[in-house]
Amino acid sequence: MRKSLRCLAMCLIAGLASIAAFAQTITIKGTVRNAGTKQTVPAVSVTIKGTSVGTYTDENGNFSFTTTQKAPFTLVVSSINFETQEVAVSDPSASIEVSIVATSALGQEVVVAATRSAQRALDAPVTIERLGGANLRAIAAPNYYDAITNLKGVDMHTASLTFRTVTTRGFVSSGNTRLNQLIDGMDNMAPGLNFAVGNILGVTELDVDNIELLSGASSALYGSGGMNGTLLINSKNPFKYQGLSFNLKQGVMHTDGKQRNASPYYDWTIRWAKNHKDKWAFKINAQFLKANDWQADDISNVQRNNVLSKIVPGNRQTDPNYDGVNVYGDETSANMFQVTQSVQESYRAGIAVASGGAIPNIVTTLNGLIPSNATPAQINTILSTAFGSNATLLSTVNQLFPFYWGLRNNLVPNQNVSRTGYNERDLVDYNTLNFKFNAGFHYKITPGIEASWNTFWGAGTTVYTGADRYSLRNFKMAQHKLEVRHKNWFVRGYTTQENAGEAYNATVLGRLMQESFKNSNIWYPTYIGNYIGYKLNVLGAG
């Protein structure tokens, strides 16, 4: 009996061992290089022929995946711009070195044009410019967004370090409402601004896969906002691009010392992506930028109107209606003669009501009482005699008199006067700060259908130049996207959320600060009263 049990146990152990051996997994590792340059090639597809088992090479051209398939088998190595190559594997434990050959044939690219049909690139009604990963790494530019200026037909409007606007077809403007910017298929327009916010929110430096620009009208493809074109920025898929990478950029700004002392520039980026058994993958990205932006310090006198403005001579000391380009609050302007007339009319109507109609027009009354050549002493005597019995009325007439006398003797010029403004450097926050965080989770429902959730979040402080100067302080914006994609179709839903934070318009702030100090309804009469008093003193002194 005991022998039988021992024999049965040994059979079970042998069976389990054979099953384990049968299901044993092996790890395939190797490196893919360019046969011509001997450099490693990232994002190359490596699969076992006849199956979907495989992976993509990382940034260093390395690949590694596990399989239960027994050797020998064949690996299929393929990538865009390279010839597909098959490699026979007989010893899975050995590291595999693959050299792929770059293709030089001119392909017949097709685009989806306004006709919604496939056409050759040369026949397409829109021009498509493209920047791939290799191009982005090779271009000498501070960041990938600046590299867009190298594309044909592109003008870049730079409002500040982090706020740039792409413009095509010659319509240079800040905050282009006629160009779409899509990040992974999401419209990057800020709801509160009604245009894309440049590089404040979006893909981090290390997560950019490629950039495509349709510089012609693309309304039929991407909506009515694409009159000037559409900019497509696509991020890296974590199934293809894996591993941990970081990028540190530092520099020194304002070395000439004209606006401020030299200050540091920081731009740090990190990315981590991992693929688990080619079933699900994730990626996490973060980027931090900090610097002191340039200051707008143009104090030239500008003459504004509703259509065009022009620079005119003068400054605060020589032009009473001075309006500096980068001076805010001096846009508040009033005509001295008109204000004086308004003040006199206000007193006239008030006195008529207060006197019960006994003095219907104080101006006419004063004209009849006071001769044109009366001295200040004679004027005081006449006013005291006429209105001294009513102290309140006498006080009111004394307040009116400088304006009345100035108008009667043509002492008030027909001259516009502006309020004293504030220099931009005293109002705008130039401490540029930008933090971006992206995260994505991708899951393959089947080998050909992939579901993904991606989040893009950005915050910071910057300066925007449009019709005015805007300080975007503690600005926040987020986009969240859920997508299911097949090579022939996709379903996508996303939301955009914005928080303007403590953003403000520099001109409005300057004018509100002036009004808070002293309301213009008080400031202008005070100014004109002092002006007339000065003129009377000058005339009295001969």
Protein backbone atom coordinates (compact mmCIF):
# COMPACT_ATOMS: atom_id res chain seq x y z
CA MET A 1 0.00 0.00 0.00
CA ARG A 2 2.79 2.37 0.97
CA LYS A 3 4.68 1.56 -2.23
CA SER A 4 1.60 2.38 -4.25
CA LEU A 5 1.23 5.77 -2.55
CA ARG A 6 4.91 6.58 -3.14
CA CYS A 7 4.59 5.67 -6.79
CA LEU A 8 1.48 7.84 -7.16
CA ALA A 9 3.18 10.81 -5.51
CA MET A 10 6.21 10.51 -7.78
CA CYS A 11 3.97 10.41 -10.82
CA LEU A 12 2.15 13.58 -9.71
CA ILE A 13 5.43 15.41 -9.14
CA ALA A 14 6.75 14.33 -12.51
CA GLY A 15 3.52 15.47 -14.18
CA LEU A 16 3.60 18.88 -12.53
CA ALA A 17 7.24 19.31 -13.48
CA SER A 18 6.50 18.48 -17.10
CA ILE A 19 3.57 20.95 -17.15
CA ALA A 20 5.80 23.68 -15.67
CA ALA A 21 8.47 22.96 -18.21
CA PHE A 22 5.90 23.05 -20.99
CA ALA A 23 4.58 26.46 -19.80
CA GLN A 24 8.03 27.91 -19.09
CA THR A 25 8.47 31.43 -20.38
CA ILE A 26 11.61 32.77 -21.98
CA THR A 27 12.83 36.36 -22.26
CA ILE A 28 13.93 37.73 -25.61
CA LYS A 29 16.33 40.69 -25.43
CA GLY A 30 18.28 42.66 -27.96
CA THR A 31 19.16 45.96 -29.60
CA VAL A 32 18.16 47.50 -32.92
CA ARG A 33 20.57 49.76 -34.78
CA ASN A 34 20.64 51.74 -37.99
CA ALA A 35 22.75 49.74 -40.42
CA GLY A 36 24.20 52.91 -41.93
CA THR A 37 24.94 55.08 -38.87
CA LYS A 38 25.20 52.31 -36.26
CA GLN A 39 23.04 54.41 -33.97
CA THR A 40 20.25 52.81 -31.96
CA VAL A 41 16.70 53.26 -33.27
CA PRO A 42 13.79 53.87 -30.87
CA ALA A 43 10.12 52.88 -31.33
CA VAL A 44 10.88 49.91 -33.61
CA SER A 45 8.26 47.13 -33.61
CA VAL A 46 9.67 43.71 -32.71
CA THR A 47 7.18 40.79 -32.89
CA ILE A 48 7.25 37.04 -33.29
CA LYS A 49 6.19 36.18 -36.84
CA GLY A 50 2.63 34.96 -37.08
CA THR A 51 1.66 36.25 -33.62
CA SER A 52 0.97 39.58 -31.89
CA VAL A 53 3.54 38.86 -29.18
CA GLY A 54 6.27 41.49 -29.08
CA THR A 55 7.19 45.00 -28.04
CA TYR A 56 8.81 48.26 -29.17
CA THR A 57 12.39 49.39 -28.65
CA ASP A 58 12.99 52.05 -26.00
CA GLU A 59 14.82 55.37 -26.39
CA ASN A 60 18.14 53.49 -26.48
CA GLY A 61 17.02 50.97 -29.10
CA ASN A 62 16.75 48.11 -26.60
CA PHE A 63 13.86 45.65 -26.48
CA SER A 64 12.80 42.90 -24.09
CA PHE A 65 9.68 40.74 -23.88
CA THR A 66 8.66 37.31 -22.66
CA THR A 67 7.05 34.46 -24.57
CA THR A 68 6.13 30.81 -24.12
CA GLN A 69 6.91 29.97 -27.73
CA LYS A 70 9.72 27.48 -28.21
CA ALA A 71 12.72 28.20 -30.36
CA PRO A 72 13.40 28.29 -33.19
CA PHE A 73 11.15 31.15 -34.33
CA THR A 74 11.40 34.30 -36.41
CA LEU A 75 11.30 37.93 -35.26
CA VAL A 76 9.77 40.59 -37.53
CA VAL A 77 11.48 43.98 -37.07
CA SER A 78 9.75 46.98 -38.68
CA SER A 79 9.66 50.75 -38.42
CA ILE A 80 8.66 53.73 -40.53
CA ASN A 81 11.43 54.78 -42.95
CA PHE A 82 13.19 51.41 -42.54
CA GLU A 83 12.98 48.15 -44.43
CA THR A 84 11.17 45.33 -42.62
CA GLN A 85 13.59 42.63 -41.55
CA GLU A 86 13.14 39.07 -40.32
CA VAL A 87 15.60 37.57 -37.83
CA ALA A 88 15.76 33.83 -37.03
CA VAL A 89 16.14 33.03 -33.33
CA SER A 90 17.56 29.63 -32.35
CA ASP A 91 19.08 30.53 -28.98
CA PRO A 92 16.64 32.69 -26.94
CA SER A 93 19.17 33.21 -24.14
CA ALA A 94 21.57 35.14 -26.40
CA SER A 95 21.25 38.90 -26.88
CA ILE A 96 20.00 39.67 -30.38
CA GLU A 97 21.65 42.41 -32.42
CA VAL A 98 19.57 43.67 -35.35
CA SER A 99 20.65 46.14 -38.02
CA ILE A 100 17.89 47.66 -40.13
CA VAL A 101 18.37 49.50 -43.38
CA ALA A 102 16.90 52.95 -43.97
CA THR A 103 14.68 53.27 -47.03
CA SER A 104 15.32 56.00 -49.58
CA ALA A 105 12.37 55.51 -51.91
CA LEU A 106 10.01 58.44 -52.39
CA GLY A 107 6.67 57.27 -51.11
CA GLN A 108 3.30 58.42 -52.35
CA GLU A 109 1.95 59.91 -49.11
CA VAL A 110 -1.77 60.43 -48.79
CA VAL A 111 -3.70 62.88 -46.64
CA VAL A 112 -7.36 63.25 -45.70
CA ALA A 113 -8.35 66.48 -47.39
CA ALA A 114 -11.54 68.49 -47.45
CA THR A 115 -13.03 66.01 -49.89
CA ARG A 116 -12.73 63.26 -47.24
CA SER A 117 -11.02 61.05 -49.80
CA ALA A 118 -7.47 59.72 -50.12
CA GLN A 119 -5.18 61.75 -52.36
CA ARG A 120 -1.50 62.01 -53.14
CA ALA A 121 0.33 64.58 -50.98
CA LEU A 122 1.23 66.62 -54.05
CA ASP A 123 -2.43 66.83 -55.06
CA ALA A 124 -3.79 67.67 -51.61
CA PRO A 125 -5.48 71.12 -51.27
CA VAL A 126 -3.67 71.78 -47.98
CA THR A 127 0.05 71.89 -47.19
CA ILE A 128 1.22 69.56 -44.44
CA GLU A 129 4.45 70.19 -42.54
CA ARG A 130 5.72 67.59 -40.08
CA LEU A 131 8.30 67.41 -37.31
CA GLY A 132 9.17 63.94 -36.01
CA GLY A 133 11.11 62.87 -32.95
CA ALA A 134 14.51 62.94 -34.66
CA ASN A 135 13.87 66.40 -36.14
CA LEU A 136 12.75 67.77 -32.79
CA ARG A 137 15.89 66.53 -31.08
CA ALA A 138 18.15 67.96 -33.78
CA ILE A 139 16.65 71.48 -33.99
CA ALA A 140 18.50 74.15 -32.00
CA ALA A 141 15.57 75.65 -30.10
CA PRO A 142 14.80 76.15 -26.38
CA ASN A 143 11.79 73.83 -26.60
CA TYR A 144 9.73 71.89 -29.11
CA TYR A 145 7.14 74.67 -29.44
CA ASP A 146 9.81 77.12 -30.61
CA ALA A 147 10.88 74.55 -33.20
CA ILE A 148 7.56 75.09 -35.00
CA THR A 149 8.96 78.38 -36.35
CA ASN A 150 11.22 76.26 -38.60
CA LEU A 151 8.21 74.98 -40.54
CA LYS A 152 7.39 76.55 -43.88
CA GLY A 153 4.93 79.44 -43.79
CA VAL A 154 4.87 79.80 -39.99
CA ASP A 155 5.08 83.08 -38.08
CA MET A 156 5.41 82.91 -34.30
CA HIS A 157 4.11 85.76 -32.14
CA THR A 158 6.02 85.87 -28.85
CA ALA A 159 4.15 87.61 -26.03
CA SER A 160 6.30 86.23 -23.22
CA LEU A 161 8.55 83.29 -22.38
CA THR A 162 5.73 80.77 -22.20
CA PHE A 163 3.01 82.43 -24.29
CA ARG A 164 3.56 82.02 -28.01
CA THR A 165 1.01 82.07 -30.79
CA VAL A 166 1.42 80.13 -34.04
CA THR A 167 0.21 82.01 -37.10
CA THR A 168 0.13 81.00 -40.77
CA ARG A 169 -0.87 82.59 -44.06
CA GLY A 170 0.53 85.99 -43.06
CA PHE A 171 -2.00 86.91 -40.35
CA VAL A 172 0.36 87.59 -37.44
CA SER A 173 -1.55 88.17 -34.23
CA SER A 174 -1.45 87.38 -30.55
CA GLY A 175 -4.12 84.89 -29.61
CA ASN A 176 -4.99 83.54 -33.04
CA THR A 177 -8.70 82.63 -33.03
CA ARG A 178 -8.45 81.34 -36.62
CA LEU A 179 -6.02 78.48 -35.98
CA ASN A 180 -6.88 75.19 -34.30
CA GLN A 181 -4.40 73.58 -31.94
CA LEU A 182 -5.15 69.94 -31.15
CA ILE A 183 -3.24 67.87 -28.60
CA ASP A 184 -3.89 64.15 -29.01
CA GLY A 185 -7.11 65.09 -30.79
CA MET A 186 -8.31 67.55 -28.11
CA ASP A 187 -8.93 71.18 -28.97
CA ASN A 188 -6.45 73.14 -26.82
CA MET A 189 -8.54 76.33 -26.82
CA ALA A 190 -8.97 78.02 -23.42
CA PRO A 191 -12.72 78.61 -22.93
CA GLY A 192 -12.20 81.99 -21.28
CA LEU A 193 -9.79 83.29 -23.93
CA ASN A 194 -11.31 81.64 -27.02
CA PHE A 195 -7.92 80.68 -28.45
CA ALA A 196 -5.15 78.18 -27.76
CA VAL A 197 -2.83 78.95 -24.87
CA GLY A 198 0.37 77.98 -26.65
CA ASN A 199 2.61 75.74 -24.61
CA ILE A 200 1.22 76.56 -21.13
CA LEU A 201 -0.88 73.40 -21.21
CA GLY A 202 -0.09 70.32 -23.22
CA VAL A 203 2.56 67.75 -23.94
CA THR A 204 5.82 67.94 -22.00
CA GLU A 205 9.17 68.19 -23.73
CA LEU A 206 10.00 64.47 -23.44
CA ASP A 207 6.56 63.19 -24.42
CA VAL A 208 6.26 64.77 -27.88
CA ASP A 209 6.05 62.13 -30.61
CA ASN A 210 5.43 64.36 -33.63
CA ILE A 211 3.98 67.69 -34.73
CA GLU A 212 1.95 68.26 -37.90
CA LEU A 213 0.88 71.62 -39.28
CA LEU A 214 -1.85 72.16 -41.87
CA SER A 215 -1.02 75.71 -42.92
CA GLY A 216 -3.99 76.11 -45.24
CA ALA A 217 -7.71 76.30 -44.54
CA SER A 218 -8.74 73.14 -42.72
CA SER A 219 -12.28 73.96 -41.62
CA ALA A 220 -13.75 70.90 -43.31
CA LEU A 221 -11.38 68.68 -41.33
CA TYR A 222 -11.12 70.24 -37.90
CA GLY A 223 -13.92 72.78 -37.53
CA SER A 224 -14.55 76.45 -38.25
CA GLY A 225 -11.59 77.58 -36.16
CA GLY A 226 -9.13 76.35 -38.80
CA MET A 227 -9.36 79.24 -41.27
CA ASN A 228 -5.58 79.81 -40.95
CA GLY A 229 -4.75 76.16 -40.38
CA THR A 230 -4.47 73.48 -37.72
CA LEU A 231 -1.59 72.45 -35.48
CA LEU A 232 -1.58 68.79 -34.37
CA ILE A 233 0.66 67.79 -31.45
CA ASN A 234 0.77 64.06 -30.69
CA SER A 235 2.23 62.50 -27.56
CA LYS A 236 4.11 59.24 -27.22
CA ASN A 237 2.27 55.95 -26.73
CA PRO A 238 3.56 54.15 -23.61
CA PHE A 239 3.36 50.81 -25.42
CA LYS A 240 6.00 52.06 -27.85
CA TYR A 241 8.10 54.45 -25.75
CA GLN A 242 9.04 53.07 -22.34
CA GLY A 243 11.52 53.75 -19.57
CA LEU A 244 12.59 56.62 -17.34
CA SER A 245 14.06 59.76 -18.88
CA PHE A 246 14.74 63.29 -17.72
CA ASN A 247 15.95 66.54 -19.26
CA LEU A 248 17.51 69.44 -17.35
CA LYS A 249 17.98 72.82 -19.01
CA GLN A 250 19.43 75.80 -17.19
CA GLY A 251 20.69 79.15 -18.31
CA VAL A 252 21.17 82.80 -17.42
CA MET A 253 18.91 85.63 -18.57
CA HIS A 254 19.23 89.43 -18.66
CA THR A 255 23.01 89.31 -18.83
CA ASP A 256 23.07 92.85 -20.30
CA GLY A 257 21.56 94.23 -17.08
CA LYS A 258 19.41 96.78 -18.94
CA GLN A 259 16.09 95.88 -17.32
CA ARG A 260 17.18 93.89 -14.27
CA ASN A 261 20.08 91.96 -12.85
CA ALA A 262 21.05 88.62 -14.38
CA SER A 263 18.66 85.87 -13.30
CA PRO A 264 18.55 82.06 -13.71
CA TYR A 265 16.41 80.08 -16.14
CA TYR A 266 15.18 76.59 -15.17
CA ASP A 267 13.43 74.04 -17.38
CA TRP A 268 13.24 70.53 -15.91
CA THR A 269 11.34 67.59 -17.43
CA ILE A 270 10.86 63.96 -16.42
CA ARG A 271 8.99 61.06 -18.05
CA TRP A 272 8.34 57.50 -16.92
CA ALA A 273 6.47 54.91 -18.99
CA LYS A 274 6.07 51.16 -18.58
CA ASN A 275 4.48 48.41 -20.65
CA HIS A 276 3.22 45.32 -18.80
CA LYS A 277 3.14 42.22 -20.98
CA ASP A 278 1.84 44.27 -23.91
CA LYS A 279 -1.56 44.28 -22.22
CA TRP A 280 -1.57 47.56 -20.37
CA ALA A 281 0.82 50.47 -20.10
CA PHE A 282 1.06 53.81 -18.34
CA LYS A 283 3.06 57.02 -18.52
CA ILE A 284 3.68 59.92 -16.15
CA ASN A 285 5.19 63.25 -17.26
CA ALA A 286 6.05 66.45 -15.43
CA GLN A 287 7.74 69.67 -16.50
CA PHE A 288 8.74 72.70 -14.43
CA LEU A 289 9.84 76.05 -15.88
CA LYS A 290 10.83 79.15 -13.90
CA ALA A 291 12.38 82.41 -15.09
CA ASN A 292 12.10 86.19 -14.97
CA ASP A 293 10.38 87.44 -18.12
CA TRP A 294 11.35 90.47 -20.17
CA GLN A 295 9.79 93.80 -19.18
CA ALA A 296 7.77 96.00 -21.52
CA ASP A 297 9.16 99.50 -20.88
CA ASP A 298 8.14 101.59 -23.90
CA ILE A 299 7.04 104.98 -22.54
CA SER A 300 6.55 106.60 -25.96
CA ASN A 301 3.50 108.85 -26.25
CA VAL A 302 0.77 107.17 -28.28
CA GLN A 303 -2.32 108.73 -29.85
CA ARG A 304 -5.09 106.17 -29.80
CA ASN A 305 -8.28 105.84 -31.79
CA ASN A 306 -10.70 103.03 -32.51
CA VAL A 307 -8.88 101.84 -35.64
CA LEU A 308 -5.22 102.81 -35.71
CA SER A 309 -2.83 104.36 -33.20
CA LYS A 310 0.38 106.25 -33.79
CA ILE A 311 3.35 107.51 -31.82
CA VAL A 312 3.38 111.30 -31.31
CA PRO A 313 5.88 113.67 -29.66
CA GLY A 314 5.61 114.49 -25.98
CA ASN A 315 5.92 113.08 -22.48
CA ARG A 316 4.26 113.59 -19.11
CA GLN A 317 6.02 116.93 -18.62
CA THR A 318 5.23 118.38 -22.07
CA ASP A 319 1.88 116.82 -23.03
CA PRO A 320 -1.07 117.16 -20.59
CA ASN A 321 -2.83 114.32 -22.43
CA TYR A 322 0.21 111.99 -22.35
CA ASP A 323 -0.58 108.28 -22.88
CA GLY A 324 2.44 105.98 -22.60
CA VAL A 325 2.56 102.70 -24.54
CA ASN A 326 3.45 100.64 -21.48
CA VAL A 327 1.98 103.04 -18.94
CA TYR A 328 -1.45 102.07 -17.62
CA GLY A 329 -4.14 104.24 -16.05
CA ASP A 330 -3.30 107.29 -18.17
CA GLU A 331 -5.92 106.13 -20.69
CA THR A 332 -8.47 108.02 -18.54
CA SER A 333 -8.77 111.40 -20.23
CA ALA A 334 -11.18 114.34 -20.11
CA ASN A 335 -11.53 117.74 -21.81
CA MET A 336 -10.90 120.65 -19.42
CA PHE A 337 -13.38 123.01 -21.09
CA GLN A 338 -16.15 120.42 -21.18
CA VAL A 339 -15.58 119.39 -17.55
CA THR A 340 -15.68 123.06 -16.47
CA GLN A 341 -18.97 123.60 -18.32
CA SER A 342 -20.38 120.46 -16.72
CA VAL A 343 -19.36 121.60 -13.24
CA GLN A 344 -20.89 125.07 -13.78
CA GLU A 345 -24.13 123.55 -15.06
CA SER A 346 -24.29 121.23 -12.07
CA TYR A 347 -23.97 124.16 -9.65
CA ARG A 348 -26.48 126.24 -11.61
CA ALA A 349 -29.11 123.50 -11.44
CA GLY A 350 -28.40 122.82 -7.76
CA ILE A 351 -28.68 126.46 -6.73
CA ALA A 352 -31.92 126.86 -8.69
CA VAL A 353 -33.48 123.97 -6.80
CA ALA A 354 -32.04 124.96 -3.39
CA SER A 355 -33.32 128.54 -3.75
CA GLY A 356 -36.80 127.37 -4.67
CA GLY A 357 -36.52 129.05 -8.05
CA ALA A 358 -35.54 132.43 -6.60
CA ILE A 359 -32.20 132.19 -8.45
CA PRO A 360 -33.08 130.33 -11.67
CA ASN A 361 -29.68 130.95 -13.28
CA ILE A 362 -26.79 131.84 -11.00
CA VAL A 363 -24.55 132.47 -14.04
CA THR A 364 -26.84 135.22 -15.30
CA THR A 365 -27.06 136.66 -11.80
CA LEU A 366 -23.27 136.78 -11.41
CA ASN A 367 -22.89 138.33 -14.87
CA GLY A 368 -25.14 141.20 -13.72
CA LEU A 369 -23.42 141.65 -10.34
CA ILE A 370 -19.72 141.45 -11.18
CA PRO A 371 -18.01 143.70 -13.73
CA SER A 372 -15.48 142.08 -16.01
CA ASN A 373 -12.58 144.12 -14.57
CA ALA A 374 -13.39 143.46 -10.90
CA THR A 375 -10.47 142.73 -8.57
CA PRO A 376 -10.45 139.78 -6.16
CA ALA A 377 -11.21 142.11 -3.25
CA GLN A 378 -14.15 143.65 -5.12
CA ILE A 379 -15.45 140.20 -6.01
CA ASN A 380 -15.40 139.05 -2.39
CA THR A 381 -17.28 142.21 -1.33
CA ILE A 382 -19.94 141.78 -4.02
CA LEU A 383 -20.52 138.11 -3.20
CA SER A 384 -20.72 138.77 0.55
CA THR A 385 -23.20 141.60 0.01
CA ALA A 386 -25.41 139.59 -2.40
CA PHE A 387 -25.43 136.20 -0.64
CA GLY A 388 -24.07 136.84 2.86
CA SER A 389 -27.48 136.46 4.48
CA ASN A 390 -27.45 132.76 3.54
CA ALA A 391 -24.15 131.14 4.62
CA THR A 392 -24.86 127.89 2.77
CA LEU A 393 -25.65 129.71 -0.45
CA LEU A 394 -22.55 131.91 -0.10
CA SER A 395 -20.35 128.81 0.37
CA THR A 396 -21.84 127.15 -2.70
CA VAL A 397 -21.33 130.25 -4.85
CA ASN A 398 -17.71 130.49 -3.68
CA GLN A 399 -17.17 126.87 -4.80
CA LEU A 400 -18.72 127.62 -8.19
CA PHE A 401 -16.91 130.90 -8.75
CA PRO A 402 -13.48 129.65 -10.03
CA PHE A 403 -15.20 127.63 -12.78
CA TYR A 404 -17.59 130.44 -13.64
CA TRP A 405 -14.82 133.04 -13.70
CA GLY A 406 -12.53 130.78 -15.75
CA LEU A 407 -15.19 130.29 -18.43
CA ARG A 408 -16.18 133.99 -18.43
CA ASN A 409 -12.58 135.13 -18.94
CA ASN A 410 -11.54 132.34 -21.33
CA LEU A 411 -9.01 130.94 -18.87
CA VAL A 412 -9.96 127.30 -19.49
CA PRO A 413 -8.41 125.80 -22.66
CA ASN A 414 -10.10 123.27 -24.91
CA GLN A 415 -7.44 120.72 -23.90
CA ASN A 416 -7.66 117.03 -23.03
CA VAL A 417 -5.89 115.99 -19.83
CA SER A 418 -5.01 112.41 -18.84
CA ARG A 419 -4.52 111.06 -15.37
CA THR A 420 -1.05 109.98 -14.24
CA GLY A 421 -0.54 106.28 -14.93
CA TYR A 422 1.63 103.46 -13.61
CA ASN A 423 4.58 101.88 -15.41
CA GLU A 424 3.98 98.27 -16.45
CA ARG A 425 6.81 96.95 -14.29
CA ASP A 426 4.88 98.21 -11.24
CA LEU A 427 1.69 96.33 -12.19
CA VAL A 428 2.59 93.14 -14.08
CA ASP A 429 4.02 89.99 -12.51
CA TYR A 430 7.11 89.02 -14.53
CA ASN A 431 7.99 85.99 -12.40
CA THR A 432 7.22 83.37 -15.02
CA LEU A 433 6.26 79.98 -13.67
CA ASN A 434 4.87 77.00 -15.55
CA PHE A 435 4.17 73.50 -14.27
CA LYS A 436 2.74 70.77 -16.50
CA PHE A 437 1.66 67.30 -15.44
CA ASN A 438 0.47 64.56 -17.81
CA ALA A 439 -0.59 61.02 -17.03
CA GLY A 440 -2.02 58.26 -19.18
CA PHE A 441 -3.22 54.69 -18.81
CA HIS A 442 -3.59 52.50 -21.92
CA TYR A 443 -5.23 49.08 -22.06
CA LYS A 444 -5.47 46.72 -25.04
CA ILE A 445 -8.96 45.27 -25.09
CA THR A 446 -7.86 43.12 -28.01
CA PRO A 447 -4.57 43.19 -29.97
CA GLY A 448 -6.20 45.67 -32.37
CA ILE A 449 -8.39 47.76 -30.02
CA GLU A 450 -6.82 50.05 -27.44
CA ALA A 451 -8.58 52.04 -24.70
CA SER A 452 -6.86 54.96 -23.00
CA TRP A 453 -7.38 57.63 -20.38
CA ASN A 454 -5.13 60.72 -20.51
CA THR A 455 -4.97 63.80 -18.31
CA PHE A 456 -3.19 67.06 -19.12
CA TRP A 457 -2.88 69.67 -16.37
CA GLY A 458 -1.04 72.98 -16.48
CA ALA A 459 -0.66 75.93 -14.12
CA GLY A 460 1.49 78.98 -13.72
CA THR A 461 2.01 82.69 -14.22
CA THR A 462 2.75 84.42 -17.51
CA VAL A 463 2.09 87.59 -19.51
CA TYR A 464 -0.16 87.74 -22.55
CA THR A 465 -0.16 90.54 -25.13
CA GLY A 466 -3.31 91.06 -27.16
CA ALA A 467 -5.24 94.26 -27.60
CA ASP A 468 -3.85 94.93 -24.13
CA ARG A 469 -1.36 93.47 -21.66
CA TYR A 470 -2.72 90.73 -19.41
CA SER A 471 -1.03 89.23 -16.38
CA LEU A 472 -2.17 85.61 -16.09
CA ARG A 473 -1.38 84.86 -12.44
CA ASN A 474 -2.00 81.42 -10.98
CA PHE A 475 -3.72 80.39 -14.21
CA LYS A 476 -4.88 76.75 -14.27
CA MET A 477 -6.24 74.59 -17.05
CA ALA A 478 -6.90 70.85 -17.38
CA GLN A 479 -8.02 68.46 -20.11
CA HIS A 480 -9.16 64.86 -19.60
CA LYS A 481 -9.72 62.39 -22.43
CA LEU A 482 -11.21 58.91 -22.70
CA GLU A 483 -10.66 57.14 -26.01
CA VAL A 484 -11.18 53.75 -27.62
CA ARG A 485 -9.18 53.36 -30.84
CA HIS A 486 -8.90 50.88 -33.68
CA LYS A 487 -6.79 51.43 -36.77
CA ASN A 488 -9.99 52.03 -38.77
CA TRP A 489 -12.10 53.94 -36.20
CA PHE A 490 -12.06 55.66 -32.83
CA VAL A 491 -14.47 56.95 -30.17
CA ARG A 492 -13.25 59.91 -28.13
CA GLY A 493 -14.68 62.10 -25.39
CA TYR A 494 -12.87 64.88 -23.53
CA THR A 495 -13.48 67.84 -21.24
CA THR A 496 -11.63 71.15 -20.80
CA GLN A 497 -11.63 72.99 -17.48
CA GLU A 498 -10.14 76.41 -16.84
CA ASN A 499 -9.52 78.59 -13.79
CA ALA A 500 -8.34 82.12 -14.56
CA GLY A 501 -6.89 82.43 -11.05
CA GLU A 502 -5.80 86.01 -10.31
CA ALA A 503 -5.50 87.10 -13.95
CA TYR A 504 -6.04 90.76 -14.72
CA ASN A 505 -5.85 93.39 -17.45
CA ALA A 506 -3.02 95.85 -16.78
CA THR A 507 -4.91 98.83 -18.26
CA VAL A 508 -8.07 98.16 -16.29
CA LEU A 509 -6.05 97.63 -13.12
CA GLY A 510 -4.22 100.93 -13.59
CA ARG A 511 -7.46 102.85 -14.15
CA LEU A 512 -9.18 101.20 -11.18
CA MET A 513 -6.23 102.09 -8.95
CA GLN A 514 -6.50 105.71 -10.07
CA GLU A 515 -10.23 105.75 -9.31
CA SER A 516 -9.62 104.12 -5.93
CA PHE A 517 -7.12 106.83 -5.04
CA LYS A 518 -9.47 109.64 -6.13
CA ASN A 519 -12.55 109.38 -8.31
CA SER A 520 -12.27 111.21 -11.62
CA ASN A 521 -15.47 113.14 -10.82
CA ILE A 522 -13.48 114.72 -7.98
CA TRP A 523 -9.97 114.66 -9.45
CA TYR A 524 -10.74 116.64 -12.62
CA PRO A 525 -12.68 119.49 -10.92
CA THR A 526 -9.85 119.70 -8.35
CA TYR A 527 -7.25 119.80 -11.13
CA ILE A 528 -9.13 122.46 -13.11
CA GLY A 529 -9.85 124.56 -9.99
CA ASN A 530 -6.13 124.59 -9.14
CA TYR A 531 -5.30 125.42 -12.74
CA ILE A 532 -7.68 128.41 -12.79
CA GLY A 533 -6.40 129.55 -9.40
CA TYR A 534 -2.84 129.46 -10.72
CA LYS A 535 -3.85 131.45 -13.83
CA LEU A 536 -5.63 134.07 -11.70
CA ASN A 537 -2.59 134.41 -9.44
CA VAL A 538 -0.36 134.86 -12.49
CA LEU A 539 -2.70 137.47 -13.96
CA GLY A 540 -3.03 139.19 -10.59
CA ALA A 541 0.73 139.39 -10.27
CA GLY A 542 0.87 141.12 -13.64
